[in-house]
Amino acid sequence: MTEDIDPQYEQAVSSIHNRLFFRLFQLGNTLERQATKELGVTPVQWACLGALSRPKVSEGMPFSELAEYLVVTRQNLDGVLKRLERDDHVKRVSDSSDRRAKLVLLTPKGREFWNSLQPGLYEFYRLSLAGFRFDDKVSFVHFLNRLNEGMKSVDLSKNEGNSKF
């Protein structure tokens, strides 16, 4: 026996879902626009440089692992890396243990650039989050993580015909 769902409730839930994902879309675009305008670097460049600046990847990170870590396609990452290579911020080298694999390394110039971005990044963070209390920030991270995990688990082929909220 299926439970009847109140059509008004169903419409309200659908509306809030749409708003949440639209706001997420807007948030990504605002981040893209503001980061480029204020910092001179795109969020994906910033994330890539940050990933490669971590001490545990000082010897480089395999291209495929970097794409997975950043949750971007290999094609998109290739375009980002070409721009960063053009500016001598990163370079790709053959992996000594597997010549077919490419490692992506932060160059000395890239590390210097990354370090020079830090004051601006922290000011960007501070100003963006000025209206949030510490607990708000912790909760926000928690909810973003939950949403990310929820999106990763989406498989519409297993849920065909089931549109319950």
N, C-alpha and C. Protein backbone atom coordinates (compact mmCIF):
# COMPACT_ATOMS: atom_id res chain seq x y z
N MET A 1 0.84 -1.18 0.00
CA MET A 1 0.00 0.00 0.00
C MET A 1 0.89 1.24 0.00
N THR A 2 0.66 2.10 -0.96
CA THR A 2 1.45 3.32 -1.03
C THR A 2 0.74 4.43 -0.27
N GLU A 3 1.54 5.23 0.39
CA GLU A 3 1.02 6.33 1.17
C GLU A 3 0.70 7.50 0.25
N ASP A 4 -0.46 8.11 0.46
CA ASP A 4 -0.80 9.29 -0.32
C ASP A 4 0.00 10.47 0.21
N ILE A 5 0.60 11.20 -0.71
CA ILE A 5 1.36 12.38 -0.33
C ILE A 5 0.52 13.60 -0.67
N ASP A 6 0.44 14.50 0.27
CA ASP A 6 -0.29 15.74 0.08
C ASP A 6 0.33 16.50 -1.09
N PRO A 7 -0.46 16.81 -2.13
CA PRO A 7 0.08 17.51 -3.30
C PRO A 7 0.74 18.85 -2.95
N GLN A 8 0.20 19.57 -1.96
CA GLN A 8 0.82 20.84 -1.57
C GLN A 8 2.19 20.61 -0.93
N TYR A 9 2.29 19.56 -0.13
CA TYR A 9 3.57 19.22 0.48
C TYR A 9 4.57 18.84 -0.61
N GLU A 10 4.13 18.00 -1.54
CA GLU A 10 4.98 17.57 -2.64
C GLU A 10 5.47 18.77 -3.45
N GLN A 11 4.59 19.73 -3.71
CA GLN A 11 4.96 20.93 -4.45
C GLN A 11 5.95 21.79 -3.65
N ALA A 12 5.73 21.90 -2.35
CA ALA A 12 6.64 22.69 -1.50
C ALA A 12 8.03 22.05 -1.46
N VAL A 13 8.08 20.74 -1.34
CA VAL A 13 9.37 20.04 -1.31
C VAL A 13 10.08 20.19 -2.65
N SER A 14 9.34 20.03 -3.73
CA SER A 14 9.92 20.19 -5.06
C SER A 14 10.47 21.59 -5.24
N SER A 15 9.74 22.57 -4.76
CA SER A 15 10.16 23.96 -4.88
C SER A 15 11.45 24.22 -4.09
N ILE A 16 11.54 23.71 -2.88
CA ILE A 16 12.74 23.95 -2.08
C ILE A 16 13.93 23.20 -2.68
N HIS A 17 13.71 22.01 -3.20
CA HIS A 17 14.80 21.29 -3.87
C HIS A 17 15.34 22.11 -5.04
N ASN A 18 14.43 22.63 -5.85
CA ASN A 18 14.82 23.44 -7.00
C ASN A 18 15.59 24.67 -6.54
N ARG A 19 15.12 25.34 -5.51
CA ARG A 19 15.82 26.53 -5.00
C ARG A 19 17.21 26.19 -4.49
N LEU A 20 17.32 25.10 -3.74
CA LEU A 20 18.62 24.71 -3.21
C LEU A 20 19.64 24.49 -4.32
N PHE A 21 19.25 23.74 -5.34
CA PHE A 21 20.19 23.45 -6.42
C PHE A 21 20.45 24.66 -7.30
N PHE A 22 19.44 25.52 -7.46
CA PHE A 22 19.67 26.74 -8.22
C PHE A 22 20.63 27.65 -7.46
N ARG A 23 20.47 27.76 -6.14
CA ARG A 23 21.40 28.57 -5.33
C ARG A 23 22.80 27.99 -5.39
N LEU A 24 22.93 26.69 -5.40
CA LEU A 24 24.23 26.04 -5.53
C LEU A 24 24.86 26.40 -6.88
N PHE A 25 24.06 26.38 -7.92
CA PHE A 25 24.51 26.79 -9.25
C PHE A 25 25.00 28.24 -9.22
N GLN A 26 24.18 29.14 -8.65
CA GLN A 26 24.57 30.55 -8.55
C GLN A 26 25.84 30.72 -7.73
N LEU A 27 25.95 29.98 -6.65
CA LEU A 27 27.12 30.06 -5.77
C LEU A 27 28.39 29.71 -6.54
N GLY A 28 28.34 28.66 -7.33
CA GLY A 28 29.50 28.28 -8.14
C GLY A 28 29.87 29.36 -9.14
N ASN A 29 28.87 29.96 -9.75
CA ASN A 29 29.14 31.02 -10.72
C ASN A 29 29.66 32.29 -10.05
N THR A 30 29.13 32.61 -8.88
CA THR A 30 29.62 33.76 -8.13
C THR A 30 31.07 33.55 -7.70
N LEU A 31 31.37 32.35 -7.24
CA LEU A 31 32.76 32.03 -6.87
C LEU A 31 33.67 32.19 -8.07
N GLU A 32 33.26 31.68 -9.21
CA GLU A 32 34.06 31.80 -10.44
C GLU A 32 34.31 33.26 -10.78
N ARG A 33 33.25 34.04 -10.78
CA ARG A 33 33.35 35.45 -11.15
C ARG A 33 34.20 36.24 -10.15
N GLN A 34 33.91 36.09 -8.87
CA GLN A 34 34.61 36.88 -7.86
C GLN A 34 36.07 36.46 -7.69
N ALA A 35 36.35 35.18 -7.75
CA ALA A 35 37.74 34.73 -7.62
C ALA A 35 38.58 35.25 -8.77
N THR A 36 38.03 35.18 -9.96
CA THR A 36 38.76 35.67 -11.13
C THR A 36 38.97 37.18 -11.04
N LYS A 37 37.92 37.90 -10.65
CA LYS A 37 37.99 39.35 -10.55
C LYS A 37 38.92 39.80 -9.42
N GLU A 38 38.79 39.22 -8.26
CA GLU A 38 39.51 39.70 -7.08
C GLU A 38 40.89 39.09 -6.91
N LEU A 39 41.06 37.85 -7.35
CA LEU A 39 42.33 37.15 -7.13
C LEU A 39 43.12 36.91 -8.40
N GLY A 40 42.46 37.04 -9.55
CA GLY A 40 43.15 36.80 -10.82
C GLY A 40 43.40 35.33 -11.10
N VAL A 41 42.63 34.48 -10.45
CA VAL A 41 42.78 33.03 -10.63
C VAL A 41 41.39 32.41 -10.55
N THR A 42 41.15 31.39 -11.37
CA THR A 42 39.86 30.71 -11.32
C THR A 42 39.84 29.74 -10.15
N PRO A 43 38.64 29.40 -9.66
CA PRO A 43 38.57 28.44 -8.56
C PRO A 43 39.23 27.10 -8.87
N VAL A 44 39.15 26.63 -10.11
CA VAL A 44 39.76 25.34 -10.43
C VAL A 44 41.29 25.48 -10.47
N GLN A 45 41.80 26.62 -10.91
CA GLN A 45 43.25 26.84 -10.85
C GLN A 45 43.70 26.90 -9.40
N TRP A 46 42.95 27.62 -8.60
CA TRP A 46 43.24 27.77 -7.18
C TRP A 46 43.22 26.40 -6.50
N ALA A 47 42.21 25.59 -6.78
CA ALA A 47 42.11 24.25 -6.19
C ALA A 47 43.26 23.36 -6.65
N CYS A 48 43.61 23.46 -7.91
CA CYS A 48 44.71 22.65 -8.47
C CYS A 48 46.04 23.03 -7.81
N LEU A 49 46.32 24.32 -7.73
CA LEU A 49 47.56 24.77 -7.07
C LEU A 49 47.57 24.35 -5.60
N GLY A 50 46.43 24.48 -4.94
CA GLY A 50 46.33 24.08 -3.54
C GLY A 50 46.57 22.60 -3.35
N ALA A 51 45.99 21.79 -4.23
CA ALA A 51 46.18 20.33 -4.15
C ALA A 51 47.65 19.97 -4.32
N LEU A 52 48.31 20.63 -5.26
CA LEU A 52 49.71 20.31 -5.55
C LEU A 52 50.67 20.92 -4.54
N SER A 53 50.21 21.86 -3.74
CA SER A 53 51.09 22.50 -2.74
C SER A 53 51.18 21.71 -1.44
N ARG A 54 50.34 20.70 -1.29
CA ARG A 54 50.35 19.91 -0.06
C ARG A 54 51.67 19.15 0.08
N PRO A 55 52.22 19.10 1.30
CA PRO A 55 53.51 18.42 1.50
C PRO A 55 53.54 16.97 1.02
N LYS A 56 52.44 16.26 1.16
CA LYS A 56 52.45 14.84 0.78
C LYS A 56 52.52 14.61 -0.73
N VAL A 57 52.39 15.67 -1.53
CA VAL A 57 52.50 15.52 -2.98
C VAL A 57 53.67 16.35 -3.52
N SER A 58 54.67 16.57 -2.70
CA SER A 58 55.81 17.39 -3.12
C SER A 58 56.54 16.80 -4.32
N GLU A 59 56.43 15.50 -4.51
CA GLU A 59 57.06 14.83 -5.65
C GLU A 59 56.12 14.72 -6.85
N GLY A 60 54.95 15.34 -6.73
CA GLY A 60 53.98 15.32 -7.81
C GLY A 60 52.82 14.41 -7.51
N MET A 61 51.80 14.55 -8.31
CA MET A 61 50.57 13.78 -8.16
C MET A 61 50.19 13.25 -9.53
N PRO A 62 49.85 11.96 -9.61
CA PRO A 62 49.42 11.43 -10.91
C PRO A 62 48.23 12.22 -11.46
N PHE A 63 48.27 12.47 -12.75
CA PHE A 63 47.23 13.24 -13.43
C PHE A 63 45.85 12.70 -13.10
N SER A 64 45.66 11.39 -13.19
CA SER A 64 44.34 10.80 -12.96
C SER A 64 43.89 10.98 -11.51
N GLU A 65 44.82 10.88 -10.57
CA GLU A 65 44.48 11.10 -9.16
C GLU A 65 44.11 12.55 -8.91
N LEU A 66 44.79 13.47 -9.56
CA LEU A 66 44.49 14.88 -9.41
C LEU A 66 43.08 15.18 -9.94
N ALA A 67 42.74 14.62 -11.08
CA ALA A 67 41.39 14.80 -11.63
C ALA A 67 40.34 14.26 -10.67
N GLU A 68 40.61 13.09 -10.12
CA GLU A 68 39.68 12.47 -9.16
C GLU A 68 39.57 13.31 -7.89
N TYR A 69 40.68 13.77 -7.37
CA TYR A 69 40.72 14.58 -6.15
C TYR A 69 39.93 15.87 -6.33
N LEU A 70 40.08 16.51 -7.48
CA LEU A 70 39.40 17.78 -7.75
C LEU A 70 37.97 17.59 -8.24
N VAL A 71 37.61 16.35 -8.56
CA VAL A 71 36.29 16.01 -9.09
C VAL A 71 36.03 16.79 -10.39
N VAL A 72 36.98 16.70 -11.29
CA VAL A 72 36.85 17.30 -12.62
C VAL A 72 37.15 16.23 -13.66
N THR A 73 36.72 16.47 -14.88
CA THR A 73 37.02 15.51 -15.94
C THR A 73 38.49 15.66 -16.34
N ARG A 74 39.02 14.63 -16.93
CA ARG A 74 40.40 14.67 -17.41
C ARG A 74 40.56 15.77 -18.47
N GLN A 75 39.54 15.93 -19.31
CA GLN A 75 39.59 16.95 -20.35
C GLN A 75 39.65 18.36 -19.75
N ASN A 76 38.81 18.61 -18.74
CA ASN A 76 38.82 19.93 -18.10
C ASN A 76 40.14 20.17 -17.37
N LEU A 77 40.64 19.15 -16.69
CA LEU A 77 41.91 19.30 -15.98
C LEU A 77 43.04 19.57 -16.97
N ASP A 78 43.02 18.91 -18.11
CA ASP A 78 44.06 19.13 -19.11
C ASP A 78 44.09 20.60 -19.54
N GLY A 79 42.93 21.19 -19.76
CA GLY A 79 42.87 22.60 -20.15
C GLY A 79 43.41 23.52 -19.05
N VAL A 80 43.06 23.23 -17.82
CA VAL A 80 43.54 24.02 -16.69
C VAL A 80 45.06 23.90 -16.57
N LEU A 81 45.55 22.66 -16.69
CA LEU A 81 46.99 22.45 -16.57
C LEU A 81 47.76 23.13 -17.71
N LYS A 82 47.19 23.15 -18.90
CA LYS A 82 47.87 23.83 -20.02
C LYS A 82 48.06 25.31 -19.69
N ARG A 83 47.03 25.93 -19.11
CA ARG A 83 47.17 27.35 -18.73
C ARG A 83 48.20 27.52 -17.61
N LEU A 84 48.17 26.64 -16.63
CA LEU A 84 49.14 26.73 -15.53
C LEU A 84 50.56 26.41 -16.01
N GLU A 85 50.69 25.51 -16.98
CA GLU A 85 52.00 25.22 -17.57
C GLU A 85 52.51 26.42 -18.36
N ARG A 86 51.63 27.05 -19.10
CA ARG A 86 52.00 28.24 -19.87
C ARG A 86 52.61 29.31 -18.97
N ASP A 87 52.08 29.42 -17.75
CA ASP A 87 52.58 30.41 -16.79
C ASP A 87 53.71 29.86 -15.92
N ASP A 88 54.17 28.64 -16.23
CA ASP A 88 55.24 27.97 -15.50
C ASP A 88 54.92 27.76 -14.02
N HIS A 89 53.64 27.49 -13.72
CA HIS A 89 53.23 27.20 -12.35
C HIS A 89 53.22 25.71 -12.07
N VAL A 90 53.01 24.91 -13.10
CA VAL A 90 53.06 23.45 -12.95
C VAL A 90 53.78 22.86 -14.15
N LYS A 91 54.20 21.62 -13.99
CA LYS A 91 54.74 20.88 -15.13
C LYS A 91 54.34 19.42 -14.99
N ARG A 92 54.28 18.75 -16.14
CA ARG A 92 53.97 17.32 -16.17
C ARG A 92 55.25 16.58 -16.52
N VAL A 93 55.52 15.53 -15.76
CA VAL A 93 56.71 14.71 -15.99
C VAL A 93 56.28 13.25 -15.98
N SER A 94 57.10 12.41 -16.60
CA SER A 94 56.81 10.97 -16.58
C SER A 94 57.09 10.42 -15.18
N ASP A 95 56.22 9.53 -14.76
CA ASP A 95 56.39 8.85 -13.48
C ASP A 95 57.55 7.86 -13.61
N SER A 96 58.51 7.91 -12.72
CA SER A 96 59.68 7.03 -12.82
C SER A 96 59.31 5.56 -12.66
N SER A 97 58.23 5.26 -11.95
CA SER A 97 57.84 3.86 -11.77
C SER A 97 56.89 3.37 -12.87
N ASP A 98 56.24 4.28 -13.57
CA ASP A 98 55.34 3.91 -14.66
C ASP A 98 55.43 5.00 -15.72
N ARG A 99 56.25 4.78 -16.72
CA ARG A 99 56.54 5.78 -17.76
C ARG A 99 55.29 6.24 -18.52
N ARG A 100 54.24 5.43 -18.51
CA ARG A 100 53.01 5.82 -19.20
C ARG A 100 52.25 6.88 -18.43
N ALA A 101 52.42 6.88 -17.11
CA ALA A 101 51.69 7.83 -16.25
C ALA A 101 52.43 9.16 -16.18
N LYS A 102 51.66 10.22 -16.07
CA LYS A 102 52.22 11.56 -15.91
C LYS A 102 51.96 12.06 -14.50
N LEU A 103 53.02 12.63 -13.92
CA LEU A 103 52.88 13.29 -12.63
C LEU A 103 52.77 14.78 -12.87
N VAL A 104 51.96 15.43 -12.08
CA VAL A 104 51.82 16.88 -12.16
C VAL A 104 52.53 17.46 -10.94
N LEU A 105 53.46 18.38 -11.21
CA LEU A 105 54.27 18.99 -10.15
C LEU A 105 54.06 20.49 -10.10
N LEU A 106 54.12 21.03 -8.91
CA LEU A 106 54.16 22.47 -8.73
C LEU A 106 55.60 22.91 -8.96
N THR A 107 55.81 23.88 -9.81
CA THR A 107 57.16 24.39 -10.08
C THR A 107 57.55 25.38 -8.96
N PRO A 108 58.82 25.71 -8.86
CA PRO A 108 59.21 26.75 -7.88
C PRO A 108 58.43 28.06 -8.11
N LYS A 109 58.24 28.44 -9.37
CA LYS A 109 57.47 29.64 -9.68
C LYS A 109 56.01 29.47 -9.25
N GLY A 110 55.49 28.25 -9.44
CA GLY A 110 54.11 27.94 -9.02
C GLY A 110 53.96 28.01 -7.51
N ARG A 111 54.95 27.50 -6.78
CA ARG A 111 54.90 27.57 -5.31
C ARG A 111 54.96 29.03 -4.85
N GLU A 112 55.81 29.80 -5.49
CA GLU A 112 55.91 31.23 -5.16
C GLU A 112 54.58 31.93 -5.44
N PHE A 113 53.97 31.61 -6.58
CA PHE A 113 52.67 32.18 -6.93
C PHE A 113 51.62 31.77 -5.91
N TRP A 114 51.59 30.48 -5.56
CA TRP A 114 50.62 29.97 -4.58
C TRP A 114 50.80 30.69 -3.25
N ASN A 115 52.04 30.82 -2.81
CA ASN A 115 52.30 31.52 -1.55
C ASN A 115 51.86 32.98 -1.61
N SER A 116 52.05 33.61 -2.76
CA SER A 116 51.65 35.02 -2.91
C SER A 116 50.13 35.18 -2.90
N LEU A 117 49.40 34.11 -3.26
CA LEU A 117 47.94 34.16 -3.25
C LEU A 117 47.35 34.05 -1.85
N GLN A 118 48.10 33.49 -0.91
CA GLN A 118 47.55 33.18 0.41
C GLN A 118 46.90 34.36 1.13
N PRO A 119 47.53 35.52 1.22
CA PRO A 119 46.86 36.63 1.91
C PRO A 119 45.53 37.01 1.26
N GLY A 120 45.49 37.04 -0.06
CA GLY A 120 44.25 37.35 -0.76
C GLY A 120 43.19 36.29 -0.56
N LEU A 121 43.60 35.02 -0.59
CA LEU A 121 42.65 33.92 -0.37
C LEU A 121 42.03 34.02 1.02
N TYR A 122 42.86 34.23 2.02
CA TYR A 122 42.34 34.29 3.38
C TYR A 122 41.43 35.50 3.59
N GLU A 123 41.75 36.60 2.94
CA GLU A 123 40.87 37.77 3.01
C GLU A 123 39.57 37.50 2.27
N PHE A 124 39.64 36.81 1.14
CA PHE A 124 38.46 36.40 0.38
C PHE A 124 37.57 35.52 1.27
N TYR A 125 38.18 34.53 1.93
CA TYR A 125 37.42 33.66 2.84
C TYR A 125 36.78 34.49 3.95
N ARG A 126 37.59 35.36 4.57
CA ARG A 126 37.12 36.13 5.72
C ARG A 126 35.92 37.01 5.34
N LEU A 127 36.04 37.72 4.25
CA LEU A 127 34.96 38.60 3.82
C LEU A 127 33.72 37.83 3.37
N SER A 128 33.93 36.71 2.68
CA SER A 128 32.81 35.89 2.21
C SER A 128 32.02 35.29 3.37
N LEU A 129 32.71 34.97 4.45
CA LEU A 129 32.08 34.29 5.57
C LEU A 129 31.83 35.21 6.77
N ALA A 130 31.94 36.50 6.55
CA ALA A 130 31.83 37.47 7.65
C ALA A 130 30.50 37.36 8.39
N GLY A 131 29.43 37.00 7.72
CA GLY A 131 28.12 36.91 8.36
C GLY A 131 27.86 35.58 9.06
N PHE A 132 28.86 34.71 9.09
CA PHE A 132 28.69 33.39 9.69
C PHE A 132 29.39 33.31 11.05
N ARG A 133 28.71 32.75 12.03
CA ARG A 133 29.37 32.42 13.30
C ARG A 133 30.21 31.15 13.08
N PHE A 134 31.11 30.87 13.98
CA PHE A 134 31.95 29.67 13.87
C PHE A 134 31.09 28.42 13.73
N ASP A 135 30.08 28.29 14.58
CA ASP A 135 29.21 27.11 14.52
C ASP A 135 28.47 27.01 13.19
N ASP A 136 28.11 28.17 12.62
CA ASP A 136 27.46 28.17 11.30
C ASP A 136 28.40 27.57 10.26
N LYS A 137 29.66 27.95 10.33
CA LYS A 137 30.66 27.46 9.36
C LYS A 137 30.83 25.95 9.48
N VAL A 138 30.91 25.46 10.71
CA VAL A 138 31.06 24.02 10.94
C VAL A 138 29.83 23.28 10.41
N SER A 139 28.64 23.81 10.70
CA SER A 139 27.40 23.19 10.20
C SER A 139 27.34 23.23 8.68
N PHE A 140 27.75 24.35 8.10
CA PHE A 140 27.73 24.51 6.64
C PHE A 140 28.62 23.46 5.98
N VAL A 141 29.82 23.26 6.51
CA VAL A 141 30.73 22.24 5.98
C VAL A 141 30.06 20.86 6.09
N HIS A 142 29.45 20.60 7.23
CA HIS A 142 28.76 19.32 7.45
C HIS A 142 27.68 19.10 6.40
N PHE A 143 26.85 20.12 6.17
CA PHE A 143 25.76 19.97 5.20
C PHE A 143 26.26 19.89 3.77
N LEU A 144 27.32 20.62 3.44
CA LEU A 144 27.90 20.50 2.11
C LEU A 144 28.45 19.09 1.89
N ASN A 145 29.10 18.54 2.91
CA ASN A 145 29.60 17.16 2.80
C ASN A 145 28.46 16.18 2.60
N ARG A 146 27.38 16.35 3.34
CA ARG A 146 26.22 15.47 3.19
C ARG A 146 25.62 15.58 1.80
N LEU A 147 25.50 16.81 1.28
CA LEU A 147 24.97 16.99 -0.07
C LEU A 147 25.89 16.36 -1.10
N ASN A 148 27.19 16.54 -0.94
CA ASN A 148 28.16 15.94 -1.86
C ASN A 148 28.02 14.42 -1.87
N GLU A 149 27.93 13.81 -0.70
CA GLU A 149 27.77 12.36 -0.62
C GLU A 149 26.44 11.92 -1.25
N GLY A 150 25.39 12.70 -1.00
CA GLY A 150 24.09 12.39 -1.60
C GLY A 150 24.15 12.43 -3.12
N MET A 151 24.81 13.45 -3.67
CA MET A 151 24.91 13.56 -5.13
C MET A 151 25.75 12.41 -5.69
N LYS A 152 26.80 12.01 -4.99
CA LYS A 152 27.63 10.90 -5.47
C LYS A 152 26.84 9.60 -5.53
N SER A 153 25.84 9.46 -4.67
CA SER A 153 25.09 8.21 -4.62
C SER A 153 23.91 8.19 -5.59
N VAL A 154 23.67 9.28 -6.30
CA VAL A 154 22.53 9.33 -7.23
C VAL A 154 22.76 8.36 -8.38
N ASP A 155 21.77 7.51 -8.60
CA ASP A 155 21.76 6.61 -9.75
C ASP A 155 20.30 6.53 -10.20
N LEU A 156 19.94 7.39 -11.13
CA LEU A 156 18.55 7.50 -11.55
C LEU A 156 18.03 6.22 -12.19
N SER A 157 18.91 5.41 -12.75
CA SER A 157 18.45 4.17 -13.39
C SER A 157 17.88 3.20 -12.35
N LYS A 158 18.33 3.29 -11.11
CA LYS A 158 17.82 2.41 -10.04
C LYS A 158 16.55 2.97 -9.42
N ASN A 159 16.21 4.20 -9.74
CA ASN A 159 15.11 4.88 -9.09
C ASN A 159 14.00 5.24 -10.07
N GLU A 160 14.00 4.62 -11.25
CA GLU A 160 13.01 4.94 -12.27
C GLU A 160 11.60 4.74 -11.76
N GLY A 161 10.77 5.74 -12.05
CA GLY A 161 9.36 5.64 -11.67
C GLY A 161 9.09 6.00 -10.24
N ASN A 162 10.12 6.20 -9.43
CA ASN A 162 9.92 6.53 -8.03
C ASN A 162 10.24 8.01 -7.83
N SER A 163 9.22 8.82 -7.70
CA SER A 163 9.45 10.26 -7.57
C SER A 163 9.02 10.75 -6.19
N LYS A 164 9.02 9.87 -5.20
CA LYS A 164 8.64 10.28 -3.84
C LYS A 164 9.70 11.16 -3.23
N PHE A 165 9.24 12.07 -2.42
CA PHE A 165 10.15 12.99 -1.74
C PHE A 165 10.37 12.43 -0.39
